[in-house]
Protein backbone atom coordinates (compact mmCIF):
# COMPACT_ATOMS: atom_id res chain seq x y z
CA VAL A 1 171.64 85.14 154.22
CA ASP A 2 173.02 82.42 151.99
CA HIS A 3 176.47 82.11 153.50
CA LEU A 4 178.19 82.97 156.80
CA VAL A 5 181.67 84.48 156.97
CA ASP A 6 183.85 84.25 160.06
CA GLN A 7 186.73 86.69 160.35
CA GLY A 8 189.54 84.39 161.39
CA HIS A 9 191.58 86.81 163.49
CA ASN A 10 193.37 85.01 166.27
CA SER A 11 195.78 85.76 169.10
CA THR A 12 197.86 84.07 171.76
CA GLY A 13 195.67 82.80 174.57
CA ASN A 14 192.34 83.19 172.76
CA ASN A 15 190.72 79.91 173.80
CA ASN A 16 187.58 80.68 171.79
CA ARG A 17 189.67 80.17 168.66
CA ARG A 18 191.02 76.72 169.58
CA PRO A 19 190.17 74.03 166.98
CA THR A 20 187.68 72.18 169.20
CA LYS A 21 185.83 75.43 169.91
CA LEU A 22 185.96 76.42 166.23
CA LEU A 23 184.38 73.11 165.24
CA GLU A 24 181.53 73.80 167.69
CA TYR A 25 180.95 77.16 165.99
CA TYR A 26 181.13 75.58 162.54
CA ASP A 27 178.64 72.89 163.54
CA ARG A 28 176.29 75.59 164.73
CA TYR A 29 176.61 77.56 161.48
CA VAL A 30 175.88 74.51 159.37
CA TYR A 31 173.53 72.35 161.43
CA GLU A 32 171.62 74.93 163.47
CA TYR A 33 171.52 77.82 161.00
CA GLY A 34 171.69 75.64 157.89
CA LYS A 35 174.35 77.78 156.21
CA PRO A 36 177.77 77.05 154.71
CA PHE A 37 180.60 79.25 155.92
CA SER A 38 183.96 80.69 154.91
CA ILE A 39 186.92 81.97 156.90
CA SER A 40 188.14 85.38 155.84
CA GLU A 41 191.10 87.35 157.09
CA PHE A 42 192.82 84.54 158.97
CA SER A 43 195.59 85.99 161.13
CA CYS A 44 197.32 85.11 164.36
CA TRP A 45 199.03 87.64 166.61
CA SER A 46 201.84 85.98 168.51
CA ASP A 47 205.45 86.61 169.48
CA ASP A 48 206.03 82.86 169.25
CA ASP A 49 206.48 81.68 165.63
CA LYS A 50 205.99 78.01 166.59
CA TYR A 51 202.70 78.75 168.35
CA GLN A 52 201.57 80.80 165.36
CA ALA A 53 202.50 77.98 162.97
CA ASP A 54 200.75 75.35 165.10
CA LEU A 55 197.60 77.44 165.33
CA THR A 56 197.65 78.05 161.58
CA ARG A 57 197.93 74.30 160.97
CA ASP A 58 195.17 73.48 163.48
CA ASP A 59 192.78 76.09 162.08
CA LEU A 60 193.37 74.94 158.51
CA ILE A 61 192.69 71.34 159.51
CA ALA A 62 189.52 72.31 161.40
CA CYS A 63 188.21 74.24 158.39
CA PHE A 64 189.24 71.71 155.77
CA SER A 65 187.71 68.87 157.78
CA HIS A 66 184.31 70.53 158.13
CA PRO A 67 181.81 69.78 155.34
CA GLY A 68 180.27 73.25 155.63
CA CYS A 69 183.48 75.19 154.96
CA GLN A 70 183.55 76.74 151.50
CA ALA A 71 186.74 78.86 151.62
CA PHE A 72 189.69 79.93 153.76
CA SER A 73 191.63 83.13 153.12
CA PHE A 74 194.52 84.83 154.88
CA PHE A 75 194.40 88.43 156.12
CA TRP A 76 197.74 89.28 154.50
CA ILE A 77 200.54 87.10 153.18
CA SER A 78 203.35 89.26 154.59
CA ASP A 79 203.99 91.65 157.46
CA VAL A 80 205.18 94.18 154.86
CA TYR A 81 201.58 95.36 154.74
CA SER A 82 201.68 96.34 158.41
CA GLU A 83 203.31 99.67 157.58
CA GLY A 84 201.70 103.09 157.60
CA GLY A 85 198.71 103.06 159.92
CA TYR A 86 198.87 99.31 160.42
CA GLN A 87 201.96 98.92 162.66
CA ARG A 88 199.76 97.46 165.38
CA LEU A 89 199.15 94.49 163.09
CA ALA A 90 202.82 93.56 162.70
CA GLY A 91 203.40 89.91 163.57
CA CYS A 92 199.88 88.74 162.70
CA VAL A 93 200.83 87.05 159.44
CA PRO A 94 201.84 83.38 159.67
CA LEU A 95 203.21 83.01 156.12
CA TYR A 96 205.94 85.62 155.47
CA ASP A 97 207.69 88.28 157.54
CA ARG A 98 208.23 91.90 156.47
CA GLY A 99 211.10 90.89 154.14
CA PHE A 100 209.06 88.08 152.54
CA ASN A 101 211.14 85.48 154.35
CA PRO A 102 209.16 82.32 155.08
CA ARG A 103 207.75 81.90 158.57
CA PRO A 104 207.06 78.49 160.16
CA GLY A 105 203.35 78.88 159.36
CA LEU A 106 204.14 78.79 155.64
CA TYR A 107 205.76 75.37 156.03
CA GLN A 108 202.71 74.09 157.92
CA TYR A 109 200.45 75.38 155.14
CA GLN A 110 202.62 73.86 152.41
CA ASP A 111 202.82 70.51 154.20
CA LEU A 112 199.04 70.30 154.52
CA VAL A 113 198.21 71.40 150.99
CA TYR A 114 200.97 69.70 149.02
CA ASN A 115 201.79 66.63 151.13
CA LYS A 116 198.55 65.71 152.86
CA TRP A 117 195.64 67.09 150.83
CA TRP A 118 196.91 67.06 147.26
CA THR A 119 195.74 64.06 145.25
CA ARG A 120 198.49 62.94 142.91
CA ASP A 121 199.46 59.90 140.92
CA GLU A 122 196.51 57.80 142.05
CA LYS A 123 196.20 54.52 140.18
CA THR A 124 193.67 51.73 140.00
CA VAL A 125 193.48 48.39 138.25
CA THR A 126 190.08 47.46 136.91
CA ASP A 127 188.30 44.30 138.00
CA ALA A 128 186.70 41.68 135.71
CA ASP A 129 183.77 44.04 135.09
CA GLY A 130 186.11 46.87 134.08
CA ARG A 131 185.53 48.88 137.27
CA GLY A 132 188.17 50.63 139.34
CA GLN A 133 188.08 53.00 142.27
CA ILE A 134 190.35 55.64 143.80
CA ARG A 135 190.05 58.04 146.72
CA GLY A 136 190.91 61.68 146.21
CA PHE A 137 189.90 65.22 146.96
CA TYR A 138 187.48 67.26 144.91
CA GLY A 139 189.01 68.90 141.87
CA ASP A 140 189.73 68.64 138.17
CA TYR A 141 191.86 65.70 137.06
CA ASP A 142 193.65 64.47 133.98
CA ILE A 143 192.83 60.77 133.59
CA SER A 144 194.94 58.34 131.57
CA VAL A 145 193.94 54.80 130.64
CA SER A 146 196.69 52.29 129.90
CA ILE A 147 196.49 48.75 128.60
CA ASP A 148 199.55 46.54 128.96
CA GLY A 149 201.61 49.59 129.90
CA LYS A 150 200.61 51.59 126.82
CA GLU A 151 198.51 54.73 127.22
CA VAL A 152 195.42 54.38 125.04
CA LYS A 153 193.20 57.26 126.13
CA THR A 154 193.31 60.48 128.16
CA THR A 155 190.52 62.70 129.34
CA MET A 156 189.79 65.38 131.91
CA ALA A 157 187.25 64.83 134.68
CA ALA A 158 185.83 67.18 137.29
CA PHE A 159 184.87 65.81 140.71
CA HIS A 160 182.99 68.19 142.97
CA LYS A 161 180.81 68.22 146.06
CA GLY A 162 177.17 67.41 145.44
CA TYR A 163 177.74 65.18 142.40
CA GLU A 164 177.96 61.40 141.97
CA ASN A 165 181.62 61.76 140.99
CA GLU A 166 181.66 58.69 138.82
CA LEU A 167 183.48 58.52 135.53
CA THR A 168 182.77 56.16 132.66
CA ILE A 169 185.43 55.79 130.00
CA THR A 170 184.59 53.92 126.81
CA LEU A 171 187.45 52.55 124.76
CA ASP A 172 187.06 52.35 121.01
């Protein structure tokens, strides 16, 4: 086994799915078993939209904060899929209701991804040795170099886990 997958189904009152308990499981996957993990089929059955949104936020933070987590996926994006033989699953989706109207969980997701975790418009000024430093999340970035307010060079750089994540830009 190269990778562990945890089905992220959740429900009101399930204390084994609280973030502190989840982090214990994740630690065990990574540090005891030596395997990275992913969350598949995240869902949360609840009649309380606020509880569902809070749990979605907390689970996303727990997963995103753990170095062993490789992926997080939702069970469904809308309750529209809980038709046919799946009526018992209605209400488990934190993102959209049956009419694709946003649920509070969608706003929690968007706030985390776009306001807290998205690296944007980072800037640095180089020191006397021409070195600068920024903090950001892993990903692919467009880099622009400006001198005296004029852009002189652009490039793309990929920063990913397991690499030095250093970039050297030489100006002509």
